[in-house]
Amino acid sequence: MVWLREPLCQKCGRPVSRPGQRCYACRQQVLPLQQIRAAAAYRDPLGRAIRRMKYNGTSALAEPLAALMVVAWPRWQTAVDLALPIPLHPERERKRGYNQSALLVQQLCQALQWTTAMGALWRTRHTRPQVELSGRDRQQNVVDAFQADPAVVAGKTILLVDDVCTTGATMAAAAQALLAAGARSVSGYCIARVTQEEDRTGRA
């Protein structure tokens, strides 16, 4: 497993050549999150374990995968008032049987004494799976796809949790909904980050 370590893009967490640098993508766009960080690079065998958890019904893998996030957290830690999973559309969650991001949040909250509110962020419409789409299409796919409860998130420093970050489009769309509902700030944390190498090889 390849742990992600500095130097990383200040915003999205992609590996860069110099400390304090922003990657090319983040120099071209404004990311509404304070930062996105991940425990490790999205490479097998870690990638295979994530895919099994996500698509093959092996929900028990959430516990050891969250444990990796706990190990890596001291490198990225920031204040967290509320940890929230990236929500699935209800139809997709019924089909899968669970939301893998929610399982991760449950484990992280238990290990790190965080607070969560599972219903505070939800999908307003069904979207295509991001894995099927290119970078630009990913952004369009999730525009206005989320809504948040101001009574729960207003004034809070929020950490969004997901399994994998590729372009950051899903987290950005969710963060925009949280900020519109009054959140003080939003950051993101994942098990794994797709780096430029995986982008080129098409492995993620």
N, C-alpha and C. Protein backbone atom coordinates (compact mmCIF):
# COMPACT_ATOMS: atom_id res chain seq x y z
N MET A 1 0.84 -1.18 0.00
CA MET A 1 0.00 0.00 0.00
C MET A 1 0.88 1.24 0.00
N VAL A 2 0.50 2.23 -0.79
CA VAL A 2 1.28 3.46 -0.92
C VAL A 2 0.59 4.56 -0.11
N TRP A 3 1.12 4.87 1.07
CA TRP A 3 0.58 5.95 1.89
C TRP A 3 0.83 7.28 1.19
N LEU A 4 -0.14 8.19 1.25
CA LEU A 4 0.04 9.51 0.66
C LEU A 4 0.72 10.43 1.68
N ARG A 5 1.80 11.05 1.25
CA ARG A 5 2.56 11.95 2.11
C ARG A 5 2.89 13.23 1.35
N GLU A 6 3.20 14.28 2.08
CA GLU A 6 3.60 15.53 1.46
C GLU A 6 4.86 15.31 0.60
N PRO A 7 5.02 16.12 -0.47
CA PRO A 7 4.20 17.28 -0.84
C PRO A 7 2.94 16.89 -1.60
N LEU A 8 1.83 17.49 -1.19
CA LEU A 8 0.55 17.28 -1.83
C LEU A 8 -0.06 18.63 -2.17
N CYS A 9 -0.93 18.65 -3.17
CA CYS A 9 -1.66 19.87 -3.50
C CYS A 9 -2.37 20.38 -2.25
N GLN A 10 -2.23 21.68 -1.97
CA GLN A 10 -2.83 22.26 -0.78
C GLN A 10 -4.34 22.03 -0.73
N LYS A 11 -4.97 21.99 -1.88
CA LYS A 11 -6.42 21.86 -1.94
C LYS A 11 -6.89 20.42 -2.06
N CYS A 12 -6.55 19.76 -3.18
CA CYS A 12 -7.20 18.48 -3.49
C CYS A 12 -6.43 17.25 -3.05
N GLY A 13 -5.17 17.41 -2.62
CA GLY A 13 -4.43 16.27 -2.10
C GLY A 13 -3.71 15.43 -3.13
N ARG A 14 -3.67 15.86 -4.40
CA ARG A 14 -2.87 15.13 -5.38
C ARG A 14 -1.39 15.36 -5.09
N PRO A 15 -0.54 14.35 -5.35
CA PRO A 15 0.90 14.57 -5.19
C PRO A 15 1.41 15.66 -6.14
N VAL A 16 2.27 16.53 -5.62
CA VAL A 16 2.89 17.60 -6.41
C VAL A 16 4.40 17.56 -6.16
N SER A 17 5.13 18.38 -6.89
CA SER A 17 6.59 18.31 -6.81
C SER A 17 7.18 19.12 -5.67
N ARG A 18 6.47 20.18 -5.22
CA ARG A 18 7.03 21.05 -4.18
C ARG A 18 6.00 21.33 -3.08
N PRO A 19 6.45 21.44 -1.84
CA PRO A 19 5.53 21.77 -0.74
C PRO A 19 4.85 23.11 -0.99
N GLY A 20 3.58 23.21 -0.60
CA GLY A 20 2.84 24.45 -0.75
C GLY A 20 2.29 24.71 -2.13
N GLN A 21 2.52 23.80 -3.04
CA GLN A 21 2.09 23.98 -4.43
C GLN A 21 0.65 23.51 -4.61
N ARG A 22 -0.04 24.10 -5.59
CA ARG A 22 -1.34 23.59 -6.01
C ARG A 22 -1.18 22.88 -7.34
N CYS A 23 -1.95 21.80 -7.53
CA CYS A 23 -1.87 21.06 -8.78
C CYS A 23 -2.49 21.87 -9.92
N TYR A 24 -2.28 21.41 -11.14
CA TYR A 24 -2.78 22.14 -12.31
C TYR A 24 -4.29 22.31 -12.25
N ALA A 25 -5.02 21.24 -11.88
CA ALA A 25 -6.48 21.31 -11.85
C ALA A 25 -6.97 22.36 -10.86
N CYS A 26 -6.34 22.45 -9.69
CA CYS A 26 -6.78 23.40 -8.68
C CYS A 26 -6.36 24.83 -8.99
N ARG A 27 -5.39 25.00 -9.89
CA ARG A 27 -5.06 26.35 -10.34
C ARG A 27 -6.07 26.84 -11.38
N GLN A 28 -6.83 25.91 -11.96
CA GLN A 28 -7.80 26.28 -12.99
C GLN A 28 -9.22 26.46 -12.45
N GLN A 29 -9.46 26.03 -11.22
CA GLN A 29 -10.81 26.08 -10.67
C GLN A 29 -10.78 26.40 -9.19
N VAL A 30 -11.90 26.88 -8.67
CA VAL A 30 -12.01 27.16 -7.25
C VAL A 30 -12.71 25.99 -6.59
N LEU A 31 -12.01 25.28 -5.73
CA LEU A 31 -12.58 24.14 -5.02
C LEU A 31 -13.23 24.64 -3.74
N PRO A 32 -14.51 24.35 -3.51
CA PRO A 32 -15.21 24.91 -2.35
C PRO A 32 -14.83 24.26 -1.02
N LEU A 33 -13.91 23.30 -1.04
CA LEU A 33 -13.49 22.65 0.20
C LEU A 33 -12.18 23.28 0.70
N GLN A 34 -12.00 23.25 2.02
CA GLN A 34 -10.72 23.69 2.59
C GLN A 34 -9.59 22.81 2.08
N GLN A 35 -9.82 21.52 2.08
CA GLN A 35 -8.85 20.57 1.55
C GLN A 35 -9.51 19.22 1.39
N ILE A 36 -8.90 18.38 0.54
CA ILE A 36 -9.26 16.96 0.45
C ILE A 36 -7.99 16.17 0.73
N ARG A 37 -8.10 15.19 1.59
CA ARG A 37 -6.96 14.34 1.90
C ARG A 37 -7.40 12.88 1.88
N ALA A 38 -6.44 11.98 1.70
CA ALA A 38 -6.72 10.54 1.67
C ALA A 38 -5.60 9.81 2.38
N ALA A 39 -5.90 8.60 2.82
CA ALA A 39 -4.90 7.80 3.51
C ALA A 39 -3.83 7.29 2.56
N ALA A 40 -4.24 6.85 1.37
CA ALA A 40 -3.30 6.16 0.48
C ALA A 40 -3.67 6.39 -0.97
N ALA A 41 -2.77 5.97 -1.85
CA ALA A 41 -3.03 6.04 -3.29
C ALA A 41 -3.95 4.89 -3.69
N TYR A 42 -4.77 5.15 -4.70
CA TYR A 42 -5.72 4.15 -5.17
C TYR A 42 -5.01 3.16 -6.08
N ARG A 43 -4.39 2.18 -5.47
CA ARG A 43 -3.68 1.13 -6.20
C ARG A 43 -3.99 -0.21 -5.55
N ASP A 44 -3.98 -1.25 -6.34
CA ASP A 44 -4.19 -2.59 -5.79
C ASP A 44 -3.00 -2.97 -4.92
N PRO A 45 -3.24 -3.72 -3.85
CA PRO A 45 -4.47 -4.42 -3.49
C PRO A 45 -5.51 -3.57 -2.76
N LEU A 46 -5.14 -2.34 -2.35
CA LEU A 46 -6.11 -1.50 -1.65
C LEU A 46 -7.32 -1.20 -2.53
N GLY A 47 -7.07 -0.85 -3.79
CA GLY A 47 -8.17 -0.57 -4.71
C GLY A 47 -9.11 -1.75 -4.85
N ARG A 48 -8.55 -2.95 -4.89
CA ARG A 48 -9.37 -4.15 -5.01
C ARG A 48 -10.26 -4.33 -3.78
N ALA A 49 -9.71 -4.05 -2.61
CA ALA A 49 -10.50 -4.16 -1.37
C ALA A 49 -11.64 -3.14 -1.36
N ILE A 50 -11.37 -1.92 -1.82
CA ILE A 50 -12.41 -0.90 -1.87
C ILE A 50 -13.51 -1.32 -2.83
N ARG A 51 -13.14 -1.84 -3.99
CA ARG A 51 -14.14 -2.27 -4.97
C ARG A 51 -14.98 -3.41 -4.43
N ARG A 52 -14.37 -4.31 -3.68
CA ARG A 52 -15.13 -5.41 -3.08
C ARG A 52 -16.13 -4.88 -2.07
N MET A 53 -15.70 -3.91 -1.25
CA MET A 53 -16.63 -3.32 -0.29
C MET A 53 -17.79 -2.62 -1.00
N LYS A 54 -17.47 -1.94 -2.08
CA LYS A 54 -18.44 -1.07 -2.72
C LYS A 54 -19.40 -1.81 -3.64
N TYR A 55 -18.89 -2.79 -4.38
CA TYR A 55 -19.70 -3.41 -5.44
C TYR A 55 -20.03 -4.88 -5.21
N ASN A 56 -19.28 -5.55 -4.34
CA ASN A 56 -19.47 -7.00 -4.17
C ASN A 56 -20.14 -7.38 -2.87
N GLY A 57 -20.69 -6.40 -2.16
CA GLY A 57 -21.43 -6.72 -0.96
C GLY A 57 -20.60 -7.06 0.26
N THR A 58 -19.28 -6.82 0.20
CA THR A 58 -18.42 -7.17 1.33
C THR A 58 -18.35 -5.99 2.28
N SER A 59 -19.46 -5.69 2.94
CA SER A 59 -19.53 -4.51 3.79
C SER A 59 -18.61 -4.60 5.01
N ALA A 60 -18.25 -5.82 5.41
CA ALA A 60 -17.38 -5.99 6.57
C ALA A 60 -16.01 -5.37 6.35
N LEU A 61 -15.64 -5.12 5.09
CA LEU A 61 -14.35 -4.49 4.82
C LEU A 61 -14.31 -3.04 5.27
N ALA A 62 -15.46 -2.45 5.58
CA ALA A 62 -15.47 -1.06 6.04
C ALA A 62 -14.64 -0.89 7.32
N GLU A 63 -14.66 -1.89 8.18
CA GLU A 63 -13.93 -1.76 9.45
C GLU A 63 -12.42 -1.68 9.24
N PRO A 64 -11.76 -2.63 8.53
CA PRO A 64 -10.31 -2.51 8.34
C PRO A 64 -9.93 -1.33 7.45
N LEU A 65 -10.79 -0.97 6.48
CA LEU A 65 -10.46 0.18 5.63
C LEU A 65 -10.55 1.48 6.43
N ALA A 66 -11.54 1.60 7.29
CA ALA A 66 -11.61 2.78 8.16
C ALA A 66 -10.42 2.82 9.12
N ALA A 67 -9.94 1.65 9.54
CA ALA A 67 -8.78 1.61 10.43
C ALA A 67 -7.55 2.22 9.76
N LEU A 68 -7.42 2.04 8.45
CA LEU A 68 -6.32 2.68 7.71
C LEU A 68 -6.47 4.20 7.74
N MET A 69 -7.71 4.68 7.64
CA MET A 69 -7.96 6.11 7.69
C MET A 69 -7.61 6.67 9.06
N VAL A 70 -7.89 5.90 10.10
CA VAL A 70 -7.55 6.32 11.46
C VAL A 70 -6.04 6.43 11.62
N VAL A 71 -5.31 5.47 11.08
CA VAL A 71 -3.84 5.49 11.17
C VAL A 71 -3.28 6.74 10.48
N ALA A 72 -3.83 7.09 9.32
CA ALA A 72 -3.31 8.22 8.54
C ALA A 72 -3.80 9.57 9.05
N TRP A 73 -4.88 9.60 9.82
CA TRP A 73 -5.50 10.86 10.20
C TRP A 73 -4.56 11.84 10.90
N PRO A 74 -3.65 11.42 11.79
CA PRO A 74 -2.78 12.40 12.46
C PRO A 74 -1.99 13.28 11.50
N ARG A 75 -1.75 12.84 10.26
CA ARG A 75 -1.02 13.67 9.30
C ARG A 75 -1.90 14.79 8.76
N TRP A 76 -3.21 14.60 8.73
CA TRP A 76 -4.10 15.58 8.09
C TRP A 76 -5.05 16.27 9.06
N GLN A 77 -5.02 15.88 10.31
CA GLN A 77 -6.12 16.22 11.19
C GLN A 77 -6.37 17.73 11.26
N THR A 78 -7.65 18.05 11.32
CA THR A 78 -8.13 19.40 11.50
C THR A 78 -9.35 19.33 12.40
N ALA A 79 -9.87 20.47 12.79
CA ALA A 79 -11.06 20.46 13.65
C ALA A 79 -12.24 19.83 12.91
N VAL A 80 -13.02 19.02 13.62
CA VAL A 80 -14.20 18.37 13.04
C VAL A 80 -15.35 18.51 14.02
N ASP A 81 -16.34 19.32 13.65
CA ASP A 81 -17.57 19.39 14.45
C ASP A 81 -18.53 18.28 14.08
N LEU A 82 -18.52 17.92 12.78
CA LEU A 82 -19.49 16.96 12.27
C LEU A 82 -18.86 16.20 11.10
N ALA A 83 -18.88 14.87 11.16
CA ALA A 83 -18.41 14.02 10.06
C ALA A 83 -19.63 13.48 9.32
N LEU A 84 -19.67 13.69 8.01
CA LEU A 84 -20.83 13.28 7.21
C LEU A 84 -20.39 12.41 6.04
N PRO A 85 -21.14 11.35 5.76
CA PRO A 85 -20.83 10.54 4.58
C PRO A 85 -21.38 11.20 3.32
N ILE A 86 -20.74 10.92 2.19
CA ILE A 86 -21.33 11.28 0.90
C ILE A 86 -22.55 10.37 0.72
N PRO A 87 -23.74 10.94 0.59
CA PRO A 87 -24.93 10.09 0.53
C PRO A 87 -25.14 9.46 -0.84
N LEU A 88 -25.73 8.28 -0.85
CA LEU A 88 -26.21 7.65 -2.07
C LEU A 88 -27.66 8.05 -2.30
N HIS A 89 -28.09 7.98 -3.53
CA HIS A 89 -29.52 8.14 -3.79
C HIS A 89 -30.23 6.94 -3.15
N PRO A 90 -31.42 7.15 -2.57
CA PRO A 90 -32.12 6.05 -1.89
C PRO A 90 -32.29 4.81 -2.76
N GLU A 91 -32.53 5.00 -4.06
CA GLU A 91 -32.70 3.85 -4.94
C GLU A 91 -31.42 3.03 -5.04
N ARG A 92 -30.28 3.73 -5.16
CA ARG A 92 -29.00 3.02 -5.26
C ARG A 92 -28.64 2.36 -3.93
N GLU A 93 -28.94 3.03 -2.83
CA GLU A 93 -28.64 2.44 -1.52
C GLU A 93 -29.48 1.19 -1.27
N ARG A 94 -30.75 1.21 -1.69
CA ARG A 94 -31.58 0.01 -1.54
C ARG A 94 -31.02 -1.14 -2.36
N LYS A 95 -30.55 -0.83 -3.56
CA LYS A 95 -30.01 -1.88 -4.43
C LYS A 95 -28.72 -2.46 -3.86
N ARG A 96 -27.86 -1.58 -3.33
CA ARG A 96 -26.58 -2.03 -2.78
C ARG A 96 -26.75 -2.66 -1.40
N GLY A 97 -27.73 -2.16 -0.65
CA GLY A 97 -27.97 -2.68 0.69
C GLY A 97 -27.35 -1.85 1.79
N TYR A 98 -26.51 -0.90 1.45
CA TYR A 98 -25.84 -0.04 2.43
C TYR A 98 -25.13 1.08 1.67
N ASN A 99 -24.77 2.11 2.41
CA ASN A 99 -23.91 3.17 1.88
C ASN A 99 -22.53 2.96 2.47
N GLN A 100 -21.56 2.63 1.63
CA GLN A 100 -20.22 2.32 2.12
C GLN A 100 -19.59 3.52 2.84
N SER A 101 -19.91 4.73 2.41
CA SER A 101 -19.36 5.92 3.08
C SER A 101 -19.93 6.06 4.48
N ALA A 102 -21.20 5.73 4.66
CA ALA A 102 -21.81 5.79 5.98
C ALA A 102 -21.18 4.76 6.92
N LEU A 103 -20.84 3.59 6.39
CA LEU A 103 -20.17 2.58 7.22
C LEU A 103 -18.81 3.08 7.68
N LEU A 104 -18.10 3.77 6.79
CA LEU A 104 -16.80 4.33 7.16
C LEU A 104 -16.96 5.39 8.25
N VAL A 105 -17.95 6.26 8.10
CA VAL A 105 -18.18 7.31 9.10
C VAL A 105 -18.48 6.70 10.46
N GLN A 106 -19.28 5.66 10.49
CA GLN A 106 -19.59 5.01 11.77
C GLN A 106 -18.33 4.52 12.46
N GLN A 107 -17.44 3.91 11.69
CA GLN A 107 -16.19 3.40 12.26
C GLN A 107 -15.28 4.55 12.71
N LEU A 108 -15.20 5.61 11.91
CA LEU A 108 -14.34 6.74 12.26
C LEU A 108 -14.85 7.46 13.50
N CYS A 109 -16.16 7.63 13.59
CA CYS A 109 -16.72 8.30 14.76
C CYS A 109 -16.47 7.50 16.03
N GLN A 110 -16.54 6.19 15.92
CA GLN A 110 -16.27 5.34 17.09
C GLN A 110 -14.81 5.44 17.52
N ALA A 111 -13.90 5.46 16.52
CA ALA A 111 -12.47 5.46 16.84
C ALA A 111 -11.95 6.83 17.26
N LEU A 112 -12.50 7.90 16.67
CA LEU A 112 -11.96 9.23 16.88
C LEU A 112 -12.88 10.15 17.67
N GLN A 113 -13.98 9.60 18.19
CA GLN A 113 -14.94 10.37 18.99
C GLN A 113 -15.50 11.57 18.24
N TRP A 114 -15.77 11.38 16.95
CA TRP A 114 -16.44 12.42 16.17
C TRP A 114 -17.95 12.29 16.33
N THR A 115 -18.64 13.34 15.93
CA THR A 115 -20.10 13.35 15.91
C THR A 115 -20.57 13.30 14.46
N THR A 116 -21.67 12.60 14.23
CA THR A 116 -22.24 12.55 12.88
C THR A 116 -23.74 12.80 12.95
N ALA A 117 -24.31 13.08 11.78
CA ALA A 117 -25.76 13.25 11.64
C ALA A 117 -26.11 12.74 10.25
N MET A 118 -26.47 11.47 10.17
CA MET A 118 -26.57 10.80 8.88
C MET A 118 -27.59 11.42 7.92
N GLY A 119 -28.62 12.05 8.45
CA GLY A 119 -29.64 12.62 7.56
C GLY A 119 -29.42 14.08 7.21
N ALA A 120 -28.27 14.64 7.59
CA ALA A 120 -28.06 16.07 7.41
C ALA A 120 -27.75 16.46 5.96
N LEU A 121 -27.31 15.50 5.16
CA LEU A 121 -26.98 15.74 3.76
C LEU A 121 -27.60 14.62 2.94
N TRP A 122 -28.28 14.98 1.84
CA TRP A 122 -28.92 13.95 1.04
C TRP A 122 -28.85 14.30 -0.45
N ARG A 123 -29.11 13.27 -1.27
CA ARG A 123 -29.16 13.46 -2.72
C ARG A 123 -30.56 13.92 -3.12
N THR A 124 -30.60 14.91 -3.99
CA THR A 124 -31.89 15.41 -4.46
C THR A 124 -32.33 14.75 -5.76
N ARG A 125 -31.41 14.06 -6.42
CA ARG A 125 -31.76 13.38 -7.67
C ARG A 125 -30.80 12.23 -7.91
N HIS A 126 -31.26 11.31 -8.75
CA HIS A 126 -30.44 10.16 -9.12
C HIS A 126 -29.41 10.61 -10.14
N THR A 127 -28.16 10.19 -9.97
CA THR A 127 -27.09 10.53 -10.91
C THR A 127 -26.43 9.26 -11.42
N ARG A 128 -25.79 9.37 -12.56
CA ARG A 128 -25.03 8.23 -13.08
C ARG A 128 -23.82 7.96 -12.19
N PRO A 129 -23.37 6.72 -12.09
CA PRO A 129 -22.15 6.43 -11.32
C PRO A 129 -20.97 7.22 -11.89
N GLN A 130 -20.23 7.90 -11.02
CA GLN A 130 -19.12 8.73 -11.47
C GLN A 130 -18.04 7.93 -12.18
N VAL A 131 -17.88 6.68 -11.81
CA VAL A 131 -16.82 5.86 -12.39
C VAL A 131 -16.99 5.69 -13.90
N GLU A 132 -18.21 5.90 -14.40
CA GLU A 132 -18.47 5.74 -15.83
C GLU A 132 -18.11 6.99 -16.64
N LEU A 133 -17.75 8.11 -15.97
CA LEU A 133 -17.69 9.40 -16.64
C LEU A 133 -16.28 9.99 -16.67
N SER A 134 -16.06 10.88 -17.62
CA SER A 134 -14.82 11.64 -17.70
C SER A 134 -14.85 12.76 -16.67
N GLY A 135 -13.71 13.47 -16.51
CA GLY A 135 -13.62 14.51 -15.50
C GLY A 135 -14.66 15.60 -15.65
N ARG A 136 -14.81 16.16 -16.85
CA ARG A 136 -15.78 17.23 -17.06
C ARG A 136 -17.21 16.73 -16.87
N ASP A 137 -17.48 15.52 -17.35
CA ASP A 137 -18.82 14.96 -17.20
C ASP A 137 -19.14 14.67 -15.74
N ARG A 138 -18.13 14.33 -14.94
CA ARG A 138 -18.34 14.10 -13.52
C ARG A 138 -18.87 15.36 -12.84
N GLN A 139 -18.30 16.51 -13.19
CA GLN A 139 -18.75 17.77 -12.60
C GLN A 139 -20.20 18.06 -12.95
N GLN A 140 -20.55 17.89 -14.22
CA GLN A 140 -21.92 18.16 -14.65
C GLN A 140 -22.90 17.17 -14.03
N ASN A 141 -22.45 15.95 -13.83
CA ASN A 141 -23.33 14.89 -13.33
C ASN A 141 -23.85 15.19 -11.93
N VAL A 142 -23.05 15.90 -11.12
CA VAL A 142 -23.43 16.10 -9.71
C VAL A 142 -23.82 17.54 -9.39
N VAL A 143 -23.95 18.39 -10.40
CA VAL A 143 -24.40 19.76 -10.15
C VAL A 143 -25.79 19.74 -9.51
N ASP A 144 -25.93 20.44 -8.40
CA ASP A 144 -27.20 20.54 -7.68
C ASP A 144 -27.79 19.17 -7.31
N ALA A 145 -26.91 18.21 -7.05
CA ALA A 145 -27.37 16.86 -6.71
C ALA A 145 -27.53 16.64 -5.22
N PHE A 146 -27.16 17.64 -4.39
CA PHE A 146 -27.21 17.47 -2.94
C PHE A 146 -27.95 18.63 -2.29
N GLN A 147 -28.47 18.35 -1.09
CA GLN A 147 -29.09 19.37 -0.26
C GLN A 147 -28.76 19.05 1.18
N ALA A 148 -28.65 20.10 2.01
CA ALA A 148 -28.28 19.92 3.41
C ALA A 148 -29.28 20.61 4.32
N ASP A 149 -29.35 20.16 5.56
CA ASP A 149 -30.28 20.69 6.56
C ASP A 149 -29.60 21.82 7.33
N PRO A 150 -30.02 23.07 7.13
CA PRO A 150 -29.38 24.18 7.84
C PRO A 150 -29.46 24.05 9.36
N ALA A 151 -30.52 23.45 9.86
CA ALA A 151 -30.67 23.32 11.32
C ALA A 151 -29.58 22.46 11.93
N VAL A 152 -28.97 21.59 11.11
CA VAL A 152 -27.93 20.68 11.61
C VAL A 152 -26.53 21.19 11.29
N VAL A 153 -26.33 21.75 10.09
CA VAL A 153 -24.97 22.04 9.62
C VAL A 153 -24.55 23.49 9.79
N ALA A 154 -25.46 24.40 10.01
CA ALA A 154 -25.11 25.83 10.09
C ALA A 154 -24.07 26.08 11.18
N GLY A 155 -23.01 26.79 10.81
CA GLY A 155 -21.95 27.15 11.75
C GLY A 155 -20.98 26.05 12.07
N LYS A 156 -21.13 24.88 11.45
CA LYS A 156 -20.29 23.72 11.78
C LYS A 156 -19.09 23.59 10.83
N THR A 157 -18.00 23.07 11.38
CA THR A 157 -16.83 22.67 10.60
C THR A 157 -17.02 21.20 10.25
N ILE A 158 -17.20 20.93 8.96
CA ILE A 158 -17.66 19.61 8.52
C ILE A 158 -16.58 18.86 7.76
N LEU A 159 -16.49 17.56 8.04
CA LEU A 159 -15.61 16.68 7.30
C LEU A 159 -16.48 15.71 6.50
N LEU A 160 -16.37 15.76 5.18
CA LEU A 160 -17.06 14.81 4.31
C LEU A 160 -16.19 13.57 4.16
N VAL A 161 -16.80 12.41 4.23
CA VAL A 161 -16.07 11.14 4.14
C VAL A 161 -16.59 10.34 2.96
N ASP A 162 -15.65 9.81 2.16
CA ASP A 162 -16.00 8.95 1.03
C ASP A 162 -14.94 7.88 0.89
N ASP A 163 -15.19 6.91 0.01
CA ASP A 163 -14.21 5.84 -0.16
C ASP A 163 -13.04 6.26 -1.06
N VAL A 164 -13.35 6.84 -2.23
CA VAL A 164 -12.30 7.19 -3.21
C VAL A 164 -12.56 8.60 -3.72
N CYS A 165 -11.48 9.35 -3.93
CA CYS A 165 -11.56 10.65 -4.59
C CYS A 165 -10.80 10.56 -5.90
N THR A 166 -11.48 10.89 -7.00
CA THR A 166 -10.84 10.90 -8.31
C THR A 166 -10.61 12.34 -8.78
N THR A 167 -11.67 13.04 -9.15
CA THR A 167 -11.54 14.45 -9.53
C THR A 167 -11.95 15.39 -8.40
N GLY A 168 -12.64 14.88 -7.40
CA GLY A 168 -13.16 15.72 -6.33
C GLY A 168 -14.51 16.34 -6.65
N ALA A 169 -15.11 15.99 -7.80
CA ALA A 169 -16.36 16.61 -8.23
C ALA A 169 -17.51 16.32 -7.26
N THR A 170 -17.62 15.08 -6.80
CA THR A 170 -18.71 14.73 -5.89
C THR A 170 -18.58 15.47 -4.57
N MET A 171 -17.37 15.49 -4.02
CA MET A 171 -17.17 16.21 -2.76
C MET A 171 -17.42 17.70 -2.93
N ALA A 172 -17.01 18.26 -4.06
CA ALA A 172 -17.22 19.69 -4.30
C ALA A 172 -18.71 20.02 -4.35
N ALA A 173 -19.49 19.18 -5.03
CA ALA A 173 -20.93 19.43 -5.12
C ALA A 173 -21.59 19.31 -3.75
N ALA A 174 -21.17 18.32 -2.97
CA ALA A 174 -21.71 18.16 -1.62
C ALA A 174 -21.31 19.33 -0.73
N ALA A 175 -20.07 19.79 -0.87
CA ALA A 175 -19.59 20.93 -0.08
C ALA A 175 -20.37 22.19 -0.39
N GLN A 176 -20.70 22.40 -1.66
CA GLN A 176 -21.47 23.58 -2.05
C GLN A 176 -22.84 23.58 -1.37
N ALA A 177 -23.47 22.41 -1.29
CA ALA A 177 -24.77 22.32 -0.62
C ALA A 177 -24.64 22.61 0.87
N LEU A 178 -23.57 22.12 1.49
CA LEU A 178 -23.36 22.36 2.92
C LEU A 178 -23.07 23.83 3.20
N LEU A 179 -22.25 24.45 2.37
CA LEU A 179 -21.94 25.87 2.56
C LEU A 179 -23.18 26.73 2.33
N ALA A 180 -23.99 26.35 1.34
CA ALA A 180 -25.24 27.09 1.10
C ALA A 180 -26.19 26.99 2.29
N ALA A 181 -26.08 25.89 3.05
CA ALA A 181 -26.93 25.70 4.24
C ALA A 181 -26.32 26.32 5.49
N GLY A 182 -25.18 27.01 5.32
CA GLY A 182 -24.60 27.74 6.44
C GLY A 182 -23.41 27.11 7.13
N ALA A 183 -22.86 26.00 6.59
CA ALA A 183 -21.68 25.40 7.21
C ALA A 183 -20.53 26.40 7.22
N ARG A 184 -19.73 26.37 8.29
CA ARG A 184 -18.60 27.29 8.40
C ARG A 184 -17.51 26.94 7.40
N SER A 185 -17.19 25.66 7.30
CA SER A 185 -16.19 25.20 6.34
C SER A 185 -16.39 23.71 6.11
N VAL A 186 -15.85 23.21 4.98
CA VAL A 186 -15.99 21.80 4.62
C VAL A 186 -14.64 21.29 4.11
N SER A 187 -14.22 20.15 4.63
CA SER A 187 -13.06 19.44 4.12
C SER A 187 -13.49 18.03 3.74
N GLY A 188 -12.60 17.29 3.07
CA GLY A 188 -12.92 15.94 2.66
C GLY A 188 -11.84 14.96 3.06
N TYR A 189 -12.24 13.72 3.33
CA TYR A 189 -11.29 12.67 3.70
C TYR A 189 -11.74 11.35 3.11
N CYS A 190 -10.81 10.64 2.47
CA CYS A 190 -11.12 9.38 1.78
C CYS A 190 -10.12 8.30 2.17
N ILE A 191 -10.49 7.08 1.86
CA ILE A 191 -9.51 5.99 2.01
C ILE A 191 -8.39 6.19 1.01
N ALA A 192 -8.76 6.43 -0.27
CA ALA A 192 -7.76 6.44 -1.33
C ALA A 192 -7.98 7.60 -2.30
N ARG A 193 -6.88 8.06 -2.89
CA ARG A 193 -6.88 9.16 -3.85
C ARG A 193 -6.32 8.65 -5.16
N VAL A 194 -7.05 8.94 -6.24
CA VAL A 194 -6.51 8.64 -7.57
C VAL A 194 -5.47 9.69 -7.90
N THR A 195 -4.26 9.26 -8.20
CA THR A 195 -3.18 10.18 -8.55
C THR A 195 -3.06 10.25 -10.06
N GLN A 196 -2.16 11.08 -10.55
CA GLN A 196 -1.98 11.22 -11.99
C GLN A 196 -1.61 9.90 -12.65
N GLU A 197 -0.86 9.07 -11.93
CA GLU A 197 -0.47 7.78 -12.51
C GLU A 197 -1.69 6.92 -12.79
N GLU A 198 -2.64 6.87 -11.83
CA GLU A 198 -3.84 6.08 -12.06
C GLU A 198 -4.71 6.72 -13.13
N ASP A 199 -4.71 8.06 -13.22
CA ASP A 199 -5.45 8.74 -14.27
C ASP A 199 -4.96 8.29 -15.64
N ARG A 200 -3.63 8.20 -15.79
CA ARG A 200 -3.07 7.86 -17.09
C ARG A 200 -3.32 6.39 -17.44
N THR A 201 -3.24 5.53 -16.45
CA THR A 201 -3.38 4.10 -16.73
C THR A 201 -4.84 3.66 -16.81
N GLY A 202 -5.74 4.53 -16.32
CA GLY A 202 -7.16 4.20 -16.37
C GLY A 202 -7.56 3.15 -15.35
N ARG A 203 -6.80 3.00 -14.29
CA ARG A 203 -7.10 1.96 -13.30
C ARG A 203 -8.16 2.40 -12.32
N ALA A 204 -8.57 3.66 -12.35
CA ALA A 204 -9.58 4.11 -11.38
C ALA A 204 -10.59 5.00 -12.06
